[in-house]
C-alpha atoms as a PDB file:
ATOM      1  CA  MET A   1    -147.736 -42.396  60.057  1.00  0.00           C
ATOM      2  CA  ASP A   2    -144.976 -45.026  61.728  1.00  0.00           C
ATOM      3  CA  ILE A   3    -145.113 -47.780  58.679  1.00  0.00           C
ATOM      4  CA  GLY A   4    -143.199 -51.165  57.926  1.00  0.00           C
ATOM      5  CA  PHE A   5    -142.622 -51.438  53.684  1.00  0.00           C
ATOM      6  CA  ILE A   6    -141.559 -54.938  52.673  1.00  0.00           C
ATOM      7  CA  GLY A   7    -140.659 -55.397  48.946  1.00  0.00           C
ATOM      8  CA  LEU A   8    -137.740 -52.975  47.780  1.00  0.00           C
ATOM      9  CA  GLY A   9    -137.594 -53.438  44.007  1.00  0.00           C
ATOM     10  CA  GLU A  10    -137.664 -50.584  42.012  1.00  0.00           C
ATOM     11  CA  MET A  11    -141.215 -49.604  42.188  1.00  0.00           C
ATOM     12  CA  GLY A  12    -140.883 -50.044  46.383  1.00  0.00           C
ATOM     13  CA  ALA A  13    -138.189 -48.299  46.780  1.00  0.00           C
ATOM     14  CA  ALA A  14    -139.352 -45.460  44.894  1.00  0.00           C
ATOM     15  CA  MET A  15    -142.485 -45.490  47.025  1.00  0.00           C
ATOM     16  CA  VAL A  16    -140.275 -45.616  49.976  1.00  0.00           C
ATOM     17  CA  GLN A  17    -138.260 -42.531  49.399  1.00  0.00           C
ATOM     18  CA  ASN A  18    -141.735 -40.139  48.499  1.00  0.00           C
ATOM     19  CA  MET A  19    -143.121 -41.580  52.103  1.00  0.00           C
ATOM     20  CA  LEU A  20    -140.033 -40.531  53.766  1.00  0.00           C
ATOM     21  CA  ARG A  21    -139.989 -37.204  51.757  1.00  0.00           C
ATOM     22  CA  ALA A  22    -143.450 -36.400  53.164  1.00  0.00           C
ATOM     23  CA  GLY A  23    -142.381 -37.010  56.298  1.00  0.00           C
ATOM     24  CA  HIS A  24    -143.633 -41.028  57.478  1.00  0.00           C
ATOM     25  CA  THR A  25    -141.431 -42.996  59.665  1.00  0.00           C
ATOM     26  CA  VAL A  26    -140.468 -46.079  57.293  1.00  0.00           C
ATOM     27  CA  ARG A  27    -139.153 -49.515  58.960  1.00  0.00           C
ATOM     28  CA  VAL A  28    -138.049 -51.465  55.351  1.00  0.00           C
ATOM     29  CA  TRP A  29    -137.340 -55.119  54.973  1.00  0.00           C
ATOM     30  CA  ASN A  30    -136.043 -57.446  51.716  1.00  0.00           C
ATOM     31  CA  ARG A  31    -135.682 -60.066  51.110  1.00  0.00           C
ATOM     32  CA  SER A  32    -131.889 -59.191  49.784  1.00  0.00           C
ATOM     33  CA  GLY A  33    -130.781 -56.818  52.078  1.00  0.00           C
ATOM     34  CA  GLU A  34    -128.044 -54.515  50.211  1.00  0.00           C
ATOM     35  CA  ARG A  35    -131.597 -53.239  48.487  1.00  0.00           C
ATOM     36  CA  ALA A  36    -132.374 -51.479  51.699  1.00  0.00           C
ATOM     37  CA  GLN A  37    -128.820 -49.614  52.093  1.00  0.00           C
ATOM     38  CA  PRO A  38    -129.696 -46.839  49.848  1.00  0.00           C
ATOM     39  CA  LEU A  39    -133.254 -45.823  51.859  1.00  0.00           C
ATOM     40  CA  ALA A  40    -131.149 -46.306  54.917  1.00  0.00           C
ATOM     41  CA  ALA A  41    -129.164 -43.080  53.531  1.00  0.00           C
ATOM     42  CA  ALA A  42    -132.004 -41.726  52.986  1.00  0.00           C
ATOM     43  CA  GLY A  43    -133.638 -41.758  56.426  1.00  0.00           C
ATOM     44  CA  ALA A  44    -135.189 -45.519  56.552  1.00  0.00           C
ATOM     45  CA  LYS A  45    -134.491 -47.580  59.456  1.00  0.00           C
ATOM     46  CA  VAL A  46    -133.665 -51.144  57.654  1.00  0.00           C
ATOM     47  CA  VAL A  47    -134.951 -54.073  60.373  1.00  0.00           C
ATOM     48  CA  GLY A  48    -134.272 -57.560  60.213  1.00  0.00           C
ATOM     49  CA  SER A  49    -137.309 -59.378  59.847  1.00  0.00           C
ATOM     50  CA  PRO A  50    -141.146 -59.195  58.068  1.00  0.00           C
ATOM     51  CA  VAL A  51    -141.809 -59.333  61.931  1.00  0.00           C
ATOM     52  CA  GLU A  52    -140.542 -56.081  62.400  1.00  0.00           C
ATOM     53  CA  ALA A  53    -142.056 -54.678  59.340  1.00  0.00           C
ATOM     54  CA  PHE A  54    -145.382 -55.488  60.594  1.00  0.00           C
ATOM     55  CA  ALA A  55    -145.587 -53.265  63.304  1.00  0.00           C
ATOM     56  CA  GLY A  56    -146.787 -49.654  63.990  1.00  0.00           C
ATOM     57  CA  ASP A  57    -149.422 -47.982  62.121  1.00  0.00           C
ATOM     58  CA  ALA A  58    -149.531 -49.864  58.942  1.00  0.00           C
ATOM     59  CA  VAL A  59    -147.382 -52.217  56.718  1.00  0.00           C
ATOM     60  CA  PHE A  60    -147.092 -51.706  53.013  1.00  0.00           C
ATOM     61  CA  SER A  61    -146.109 -54.793  50.590  1.00  0.00           C
ATOM     62  CA  MET A  62    -144.885 -54.486  47.158  1.00  0.00           C
ATOM     63  CA  LEU A  63    -143.236 -57.918  46.276  1.00  0.00           C
ATOM     64  CA  ALA A  64    -143.356 -59.623  43.133  1.00  0.00           C
ATOM     65  CA  ASP A  65    -145.938 -62.100  42.995  1.00  0.00           C
ATOM     66  CA  ASP A  66    -147.870 -64.763  44.191  1.00  0.00           C
ATOM     67  CA  ALA A  67    -145.264 -66.987  45.240  1.00  0.00           C
ATOM     68  CA  ALA A  68    -143.156 -64.489  46.678  1.00  0.00           C
ATOM     69  CA  LEU A  69    -146.131 -62.665  48.900  1.00  0.00           C
ATOM     70  CA  ARG A  70    -147.204 -66.389  50.225  1.00  0.00           C
ATOM     71  CA  ALA A  71    -143.414 -66.804  51.292  1.00  0.00           C
ATOM     72  CA  VAL A  72    -143.083 -63.764  53.615  1.00  0.00           C
ATOM     73  CA  VAL A  73    -147.218 -62.817  54.535  1.00  0.00           C
ATOM     74  CA  ASP A  74    -147.618 -66.221  56.074  1.00  0.00           C
ATOM     75  CA  ALA A  75    -149.773 -67.360  58.840  1.00  0.00           C
ATOM     76  CA  ALA A  76    -147.207 -67.022  61.288  1.00  0.00           C
ATOM     77  CA  LEU A  77    -146.246 -63.821  60.509  1.00  0.00           C
ATOM     78  CA  LEU A  78    -149.988 -62.871  61.110  1.00  0.00           C
ATOM     79  CA  GLU A  79    -150.266 -64.533  64.339  1.00  0.00           C
ATOM     80  CA  GLN A  80    -147.562 -62.176  65.151  1.00  0.00           C
ATOM     81  CA  ALA A  81    -148.921 -58.684  64.092  1.00  0.00           C
ATOM     82  CA  PRO A  82    -150.625 -56.865  66.586  1.00  0.00           C
ATOM     83  CA  ARG A  83    -154.191 -56.546  66.078  1.00  0.00           C
ATOM     84  CA  GLY A  84    -155.972 -53.307  64.412  1.00  0.00           C
ATOM     85  CA  LEU A  85    -152.564 -53.166  61.997  1.00  0.00           C
ATOM     86  CA  ILE A  86    -153.340 -52.363  58.391  1.00  0.00           C
ATOM     87  CA  HIS A  87    -152.153 -54.297  55.733  1.00  0.00           C
ATOM     88  CA  VAL A  88    -151.775 -52.268  52.277  1.00  0.00           C
ATOM     89  CA  ASN A  89    -150.660 -54.563  49.767  1.00  0.00           C
ATOM     90  CA  MET A  90    -149.393 -52.603  46.250  1.00  0.00           C
ATOM     91  CA  ALA A  91    -148.928 -55.698  44.326  1.00  0.00           C
ATOM     92  CA  THR A  92    -150.354 -57.403  41.578  1.00  0.00           C
ATOM     93  CA  ILE A  93    -151.440 -60.426  42.190  1.00  0.00           C
ATOM     94  CA  SER A  94    -154.116 -63.234  41.757  1.00  0.00           C
ATOM     95  CA  VAL A  95    -158.021 -62.401  42.933  1.00  0.00           C
ATOM     96  CA  ALA A  96    -157.397 -66.109  44.372  1.00  0.00           C
ATOM     97  CA  LEU A  97    -154.721 -64.504  46.662  1.00  0.00           C
ATOM     98  CA  ALA A  98    -156.255 -61.560  47.085  1.00  0.00           C
ATOM     99  CA  GLU A  99    -159.488 -63.352  48.700  1.00  0.00           C
ATOM    100  CA  ASP A 100    -157.424 -65.690  50.882  1.00  0.00           C
ATOM    101  CA  LEU A 101    -155.463 -62.982  52.263  1.00  0.00           C
ATOM    102  CA  ALA A 102    -158.540 -60.777  53.348  1.00  0.00           C
ATOM    103  CA  GLN A 103    -160.278 -63.496  54.989  1.00  0.00           C
ATOM    104  CA  ALA A 104    -156.537 -64.508  56.817  1.00  0.00           C
ATOM    105  CA  HIS A 105    -156.389 -60.812  58.089  1.00  0.00           C
ATOM    106  CA  ALA A 106    -159.663 -60.464  59.348  1.00  0.00           C
ATOM    107  CA  ALA A 107    -159.847 -63.943  61.521  1.00  0.00           C
ATOM    108  CA  ARG A 108    -157.318 -62.476  62.888  1.00  0.00           C
ATOM    109  CA  GLY A 109    -158.124 -59.082  63.906  1.00  0.00           C
ATOM    110  CA  LEU A 110    -155.720 -57.395  61.074  1.00  0.00           C
ATOM    111  CA  HIS A 111    -157.489 -54.819  58.097  1.00  0.00           C
ATOM    112  CA  TYR A 112    -156.286 -55.670  54.430  1.00  0.00           C
ATOM    113  CA  VAL A 113    -156.230 -53.520  51.901  1.00  0.00           C
ATOM    114  CA  ALA A 114    -155.618 -54.018  48.251  1.00  0.00           C
ATOM    115  CA  ALA A 115    -154.160 -51.409  46.457  1.00  0.00           C
ATOM    116  CA  PRO A 116    -152.528 -52.083  42.951  1.00  0.00           C
ATOM    117  CA  VAL A 117    -150.938 -49.091  40.902  1.00  0.00           C
ATOM    118  CA  MET A 118    -150.647 -48.082  37.516  1.00  0.00           C
ATOM    119  CA  GLY A 119    -147.804 -46.612  36.986  1.00  0.00           C
ATOM    120  CA  ARG A 120    -143.744 -47.603  35.919  1.00  0.00           C
ATOM    121  CA  PRO A 121    -140.800 -47.076  38.020  1.00  0.00           C
ATOM    122  CA  ASP A 122    -140.035 -43.397  36.455  1.00  0.00           C
ATOM    123  CA  VAL A 123    -143.825 -42.564  37.809  1.00  0.00           C
ATOM    124  CA  ALA A 124    -143.187 -44.141  41.159  1.00  0.00           C
ATOM    125  CA  ALA A 125    -140.413 -41.837  41.750  1.00  0.00           C
ATOM    126  CA  ALA A 126    -142.305 -38.689  41.093  1.00  0.00           C
ATOM    127  CA  GLY A 127    -144.687 -39.733  43.123  1.00  0.00           C
ATOM    128  CA  LYS A 128    -147.808 -40.022  40.294  1.00  0.00           C
ATOM    129  CA  LEU A 129    -149.196 -43.581  40.531  1.00  0.00           C
ATOM    130  CA  THR A 130    -152.321 -44.389  39.974  1.00  0.00           C
ATOM    131  CA  ILE A 131    -154.097 -45.978  42.923  1.00  0.00           C
ATOM    132  CA  MET A 132    -156.752 -48.282  42.804  1.00  0.00           C
ATOM    133  CA  ALA A 133    -157.727 -49.366  46.439  1.00  0.00           C
ATOM    134  CA  ALA A 134    -160.299 -52.036  47.714  1.00  0.00           C
ATOM    135  CA  GLY A 135    -161.322 -52.369  51.582  1.00  0.00           C
ATOM    136  CA  PRO A 136    -162.583 -51.514  54.513  1.00  0.00           C
ATOM    137  CA  ALA A 137    -163.323 -47.730  54.154  1.00  0.00           C
ATOM    138  CA  GLU A 138    -161.894 -46.537  57.771  1.00  0.00           C
ATOM    139  CA  ALA A 139    -158.829 -48.375  57.129  1.00  0.00           C
ATOM    140  CA  ILE A 140    -158.154 -46.739  53.769  1.00  0.00           C
ATOM    141  CA  ASP A 141    -158.466 -43.351  55.149  1.00  0.00           C
ATOM    142  CA  ARG A 142    -156.387 -43.984  57.916  1.00  0.00           C
ATOM    143  CA  VAL A 143    -153.620 -45.163  55.025  1.00  0.00           C
ATOM    144  CA  GLN A 144    -154.632 -42.045  52.753  1.00  0.00           C
ATOM    145  CA  PRO A 145    -152.071 -39.680  53.656  1.00  0.00           C
ATOM    146  CA  VAL A 146    -149.483 -42.467  52.757  1.00  0.00           C
ATOM    147  CA  LEU A 147    -151.105 -42.776  49.309  1.00  0.00           C
ATOM    148  CA  ASP A 148    -151.302 -39.495  48.679  1.00  0.00           C
ATOM    149  CA  SER A 149    -147.894 -38.927  49.005  1.00  0.00           C
ATOM    150  CA  ILE A 150    -146.829 -41.503  46.173  1.00  0.00           C
ATOM    151  CA  GLY A 151    -149.749 -41.148  44.383  1.00  0.00           C
ATOM    152  CA  GLN A 152    -151.685 -38.518  41.777  1.00  0.00           C
ATOM    153  CA  LYS A 153    -154.916 -39.688  42.973  1.00  0.00           C
ATOM    154  CA  THR A 154    -156.668 -43.209  44.660  1.00  0.00           C
ATOM    155  CA  TRP A 155    -159.402 -44.025  43.369  1.00  0.00           C
ATOM    156  CA  ARG A 156    -161.582 -46.165  45.875  1.00  0.00           C
ATOM    157  CA  VAL A 157    -163.398 -49.356  43.737  1.00  0.00           C
ATOM    158  CA  GLY A 158    -164.727 -51.002  46.872  1.00  0.00           C
ATOM    159  CA  THR A 159    -165.131 -53.087  49.873  1.00  0.00           C
ATOM    160  CA  LEU A 160    -163.740 -56.324  49.080  1.00  0.00           C
ATOM    161  CA  PRO A 161    -159.902 -55.873  48.032  1.00  0.00           C
ATOM    162  CA  GLN A 162    -160.358 -58.833  45.357  1.00  0.00           C
ATOM    163  CA  GLN A 163    -162.012 -55.707  43.166  1.00  0.00           C
ATOM    164  CA  ALA A 164    -158.984 -53.593  43.119  1.00  0.00           C
ATOM    165  CA  ASN A 165    -157.061 -56.934  42.106  1.00  0.00           C
ATOM    166  CA  VAL A 166    -159.586 -57.619  39.017  1.00  0.00           C
ATOM    167  CA  MET A 167    -159.325 -53.403  38.302  1.00  0.00           C
ATOM    168  CA  LYS A 168    -155.424 -53.903  37.889  1.00  0.00           C
ATOM    169  CA  LEU A 169    -155.706 -56.852  36.380  1.00  0.00           C
ATOM    170  CA  ALA A 170    -158.116 -55.779  33.589  1.00  0.00           C
ATOM    171  CA  ALA A 171    -155.972 -52.423  32.789  1.00  0.00           C
ATOM    172  CA  ASN A 172    -152.907 -54.440  32.680  1.00  0.00           C
ATOM    173  CA  PHE A 173    -154.760 -56.815  30.243  1.00  0.00           C
ATOM    174  CA  MET A 174    -155.671 -53.942  28.346  1.00  0.00           C
ATOM    175  CA  LEU A 175    -152.358 -52.295  28.185  1.00  0.00           C
ATOM    176  CA  ALA A 176    -151.270 -55.951  27.009  1.00  0.00           C
ATOM    177  CA  ALA A 177    -153.447 -55.917  24.051  1.00  0.00           C
ATOM    178  CA  ALA A 178    -152.519 -52.385  22.884  1.00  0.00           C
ATOM    179  CA  VAL A 179    -149.053 -53.306  22.648  1.00  0.00           C
ATOM    180  CA  GLU A 180    -150.071 -56.446  20.652  1.00  0.00           C
ATOM    181  CA  ALA A 181    -152.054 -54.256  18.486  1.00  0.00           C
ATOM    182  CA  LEU A 182    -148.748 -51.577  18.165  1.00  0.00           C
ATOM    183  CA  GLY A 183    -146.329 -54.422  17.337  1.00  0.00           C
ATOM    184  CA  GLU A 184    -148.606 -55.977  14.594  1.00  0.00           C
ATOM    185  CA  ALA A 185    -149.763 -52.541  12.869  1.00  0.00           C
ATOM    186  CA  ALA A 186    -145.533 -51.581  13.024  1.00  0.00           C
ATOM    187  CA  SER A 187    -144.823 -55.255  10.635  1.00  0.00           C
ATOM    188  CA  LEU A 188    -148.012 -54.563   8.608  1.00  0.00           C
ATOM    189  CA  VAL A 189    -146.858 -50.726   7.354  1.00  0.00           C
ATOM    190  CA  THR A 190    -143.495 -51.853   6.941  1.00  0.00           C
ATOM    191  CA  GLY A 191    -143.933 -54.843   4.839  1.00  0.00           C
ATOM    192  CA  TYR A 192    -145.132 -51.970   2.510  1.00  0.00           C
ATOM    193  CA  GLY A 193    -142.163 -49.670   2.757  1.00  0.00           C
ATOM    194  CA  VAL A 194    -143.836 -47.164   5.279  1.00  0.00           C
ATOM    195  CA  ALA A 195    -141.271 -46.478   8.174  1.00  0.00           C
ATOM    196  CA  THR A 196    -142.796 -47.232  11.832  1.00  0.00           C
ATOM    197  CA  GLN A 197    -142.064 -44.064  13.440  1.00  0.00           C
ATOM    198  CA  ASP A 198    -143.892 -41.951  10.206  1.00  0.00           C
ATOM    199  CA  PHE A 199    -147.206 -44.279  11.237  1.00  0.00           C
ATOM    200  CA  LEU A 200    -147.238 -44.024  14.991  1.00  0.00           C
ATOM    201  CA  ASP A 201    -146.453 -40.436  14.441  1.00  0.00           C
ATOM    202  CA  VAL A 202    -149.752 -39.974  12.473  1.00  0.00           C
ATOM    203  CA  VAL A 203    -152.320 -42.291  14.472  1.00  0.00           C
ATOM    204  CA  THR A 204    -150.938 -41.254  18.019  1.00  0.00           C
ATOM    205  CA  ALA A 205    -151.576 -37.499  16.791  1.00  0.00           C
ATOM    206  CA  GLY A 206    -155.341 -37.856  16.122  1.00  0.00           C
ATOM    207  CA  ILE A 207    -157.187 -41.318  17.218  1.00  0.00           C
ATOM    208  CA  PHE A 208    -154.513 -42.977  19.759  1.00  0.00           C
ATOM    209  CA  PRO A 209    -153.165 -40.240  21.858  1.00  0.00           C
ATOM    210  CA  GLY A 210    -150.782 -40.797  25.193  1.00  0.00           C
ATOM    211  CA  PRO A 211    -148.691 -42.582  26.951  1.00  0.00           C
ATOM    212  CA  VAL A 212    -149.292 -46.372  25.894  1.00  0.00           C
ATOM    213  CA  TYR A 213    -149.226 -45.846  22.490  1.00  0.00           C
ATOM    214  CA  GLN A 214    -146.784 -42.966  22.206  1.00  0.00           C
ATOM    215  CA  GLY A 215    -143.868 -44.731  24.518  1.00  0.00           C
ATOM    216  CA  TYR A 216    -144.261 -48.137  23.636  1.00  0.00           C
ATOM    217  CA  GLY A 217    -144.400 -47.652  19.828  1.00  0.00           C
ATOM    218  CA  LYS A 218    -141.713 -45.643  20.200  1.00  0.00           C
ATOM    219  CA  MET A 219    -139.641 -48.451  21.927  1.00  0.00           C
ATOM    220  CA  ILE A 220    -140.788 -50.661  18.852  1.00  0.00           C
ATOM    221  CA  ALA A 221    -139.906 -48.316  16.491  1.00  0.00           C
ATOM    222  CA  GLU A 222    -136.713 -48.450  17.466  1.00  0.00           C
ATOM    223  CA  ARG A 223    -136.525 -51.777  18.423  1.00  0.00           C
ATOM    224  CA  ARG A 224    -135.213 -50.552  21.773  1.00  0.00           C
ATOM    225  CA  TYR A 225    -136.322 -52.995  24.319  1.00  0.00           C
ATOM    226  CA  GLU A 226    -133.332 -52.551  27.301  1.00  0.00           C
ATOM    227  CA  PRO A 227    -133.292 -51.175  30.077  1.00  0.00           C
ATOM    228  CA  ALA A 228    -136.747 -52.842  30.594  1.00  0.00           C
ATOM    229  CA  LEU A 229    -139.463 -50.422  32.185  1.00  0.00           C
ATOM    230  CA  PHE A 230    -141.948 -53.418  32.501  1.00  0.00           C
ATOM    231  CA  LYS A 231    -140.416 -56.807  31.615  1.00  0.00           C
ATOM    232  CA  ALA A 232    -141.942 -59.437  29.590  1.00  0.00           C
ATOM    233  CA  ARG A 233    -142.504 -62.306  32.184  1.00  0.00           C
ATOM    234  CA  LEU A 234    -144.057 -59.958  34.481  1.00  0.00           C
ATOM    235  CA  GLY A 235    -146.519 -59.027  31.681  1.00  0.00           C
ATOM    236  CA  LEU A 236    -147.222 -62.896  31.139  1.00  0.00           C
ATOM    237  CA  LYS A 237    -147.559 -63.070  34.639  1.00  0.00           C
ATOM    238  CA  ASP A 238    -150.321 -60.402  34.914  1.00  0.00           C
ATOM    239  CA  VAL A 239    -152.151 -61.686  31.809  1.00  0.00           C
ATOM    240  CA  ARG A 240    -152.204 -65.394  33.020  1.00  0.00           C
ATOM    241  CA  LEU A 241    -153.692 -63.712  36.278  1.00  0.00           C
ATOM    242  CA  ALA A 242    -156.179 -62.119  33.897  1.00  0.00           C
ATOM    243  CA  LEU A 243    -157.253 -65.035  32.448  1.00  0.00           C
ATOM    244  CA  ALA A 244    -157.437 -67.443  35.522  1.00  0.00           C
ATOM    245  CA  ALA A 245    -159.790 -64.046  37.180  1.00  0.00           C
ATOM    246  CA  GLY A 246    -162.116 -64.627  34.100  1.00  0.00           C
ATOM    247  CA  ASP A 247    -161.918 -68.627  34.329  1.00  0.00           C
ATOM    248  CA  ALA A 248    -163.026 -67.936  37.950  1.00  0.00           C
ATOM    249  CA  VAL A 249    -166.693 -66.055  36.288  1.00  0.00           C
ATOM    250  CA  SER A 250    -166.771 -67.767  33.320  1.00  0.00           C
ATOM    251  CA  THR A 251    -166.121 -64.684  31.207  1.00  0.00           C
ATOM    252  CA  PRO A 252    -163.663 -65.751  28.081  1.00  0.00           C
ATOM    253  CA  LEU A 253    -161.077 -63.346  27.458  1.00  0.00           C
ATOM    254  CA  PRO A 254    -159.635 -64.516  23.354  1.00  0.00           C
ATOM    255  CA  VAL A 255    -157.564 -61.724  23.111  1.00  0.00           C
ATOM    256  CA  ALA A 256    -155.850 -62.146  26.250  1.00  0.00           C
ATOM    257  CA  SER A 257    -155.244 -65.908  25.115  1.00  0.00           C
ATOM    258  CA  LEU A 258    -153.526 -64.618  22.114  1.00  0.00           C
ATOM    259  CA  VAL A 259    -151.548 -62.301  24.175  1.00  0.00           C
ATOM    260  CA  ARG A 260    -150.323 -64.908  26.143  1.00  0.00           C
ATOM    261  CA  ASP A 261    -148.937 -67.045  23.661  1.00  0.00           C
ATOM    262  CA  SER A 262    -147.211 -63.959  22.215  1.00  0.00           C
ATOM    263  CA  LEU A 263    -145.393 -63.250  25.614  1.00  0.00           C
ATOM    264  CA  ILE A 264    -144.399 -67.000  25.902  1.00  0.00           C
ATOM    265  CA  GLU A 265    -143.321 -66.719  22.011  1.00  0.00           C
ATOM    266  CA  ALA A 266    -140.639 -63.892  23.243  1.00  0.00           C
ATOM    267  CA  ILE A 267    -139.800 -65.833  26.620  1.00  0.00           C
ATOM    268  CA  ALA A 268    -138.937 -68.588  24.394  1.00  0.00           C
ATOM    269  CA  HIS A 269    -136.664 -66.208  22.280  1.00  0.00           C
ATOM    270  CA  GLY A 270    -134.684 -65.406  25.434  1.00  0.00           C
ATOM    271  CA  ASP A 271    -136.669 -62.154  25.876  1.00  0.00           C
ATOM    272  CA  GLY A 272    -138.528 -62.507  28.972  1.00  0.00           C
ATOM    273  CA  GLU A 273    -136.164 -60.000  30.820  1.00  0.00           C
ATOM    274  CA  LYS A 274    -136.693 -57.362  28.077  1.00  0.00           C
ATOM    275  CA  ASP A 275    -139.207 -54.527  28.162  1.00  0.00           C
ATOM    276  CA  PHE A 276    -143.198 -55.430  27.703  1.00  0.00           C
ATOM    277  CA  ALA A 277    -142.359 -53.737  24.194  1.00  0.00           C
ATOM    278  CA  VAL A 278    -140.585 -56.683  22.747  1.00  0.00           C
ATOM    279  CA  LEU A 279    -143.815 -57.842  21.560  1.00  0.00           C
ATOM    280  CA  GLY A 280    -143.125 -55.827  18.760  1.00  0.00           C
ATOM    281  CA  GLU A 281    -140.219 -58.065  17.875  1.00  0.00           C
ATOM    282  CA  VAL A 282    -142.156 -61.241  18.036  1.00  0.00           C
ATOM    283  CA  SER A 283    -144.854 -59.541  15.411  1.00  0.00           C
ATOM    284  CA  ALA A 284    -141.698 -58.232  13.000  1.00  0.00           C
ATOM    285  CA  ARG A 285    -140.286 -61.559  13.666  1.00  0.00           C
ATOM    286  CA  ARG A 286    -143.217 -63.733  12.673  1.00  0.00           C
ATOM    287  CA  ALA A 287    -143.585 -61.344   9.597  1.00  0.00           C
ATOM    288  CA  GLY A 288    -140.037 -62.112   8.601  1.00  0.00           C
ATOM    289  CA  ARG A 289    -138.345 -58.855   9.272  1.00  0.00           C
END
């Protein structure tokens, strides 16, 4: 397929690499142009504006947050896009913005698909992302070969794009709650002289196996929060979006409120650029350790 790609952070760049390996033609644009140069060497075509990316069969975007997406994908850009183009937004954004984008695209004869992903940059590089896609079925069908090049499975979760976004926010909230619980449990056992790694070896071998408890648990046990694979400030953004989604449908999320405050505390201590696992440091600090 002939596709555009906007947003070349660690996740976006890894996705583009896999799209190129699968034989797709990819035009790339990033606000910081130097991020595009390694992809040019791999075969991508660097373009000078989002308008040039919004062409061909489809355009994919992977921007950091609502503000970044609004700054790039505005009414003027959509007016210039060719009718029938499919825009696949893979970023974690608010439910409200997803609804707005779906309406804005439809009003201009464009197809909008939300396809947020689960997985960190190493998973993206391996082409093993879990993709949650929602939007018009025929539009998802058309871009499925591209999704297959970057993910291990695409879960179709609804016809309304915002349904994929709320699923991603719910999943990230669960991740945040798990890391918070890991940090608190580690602080508890160390208060009794038990090594955090010994505790984690036991619980991850039995009742809590899997990459979340094993991966984040190891980082907490080693107090190793850099380099960050998922930054605490981005985790705070996602938890806040989950809380806003809950507010919109009168769904209380008390655990999310607690995790939000823990992340705010981490950022207040200068740890916003460190990995999400720094929640373990917050718990240790509260316990005087």
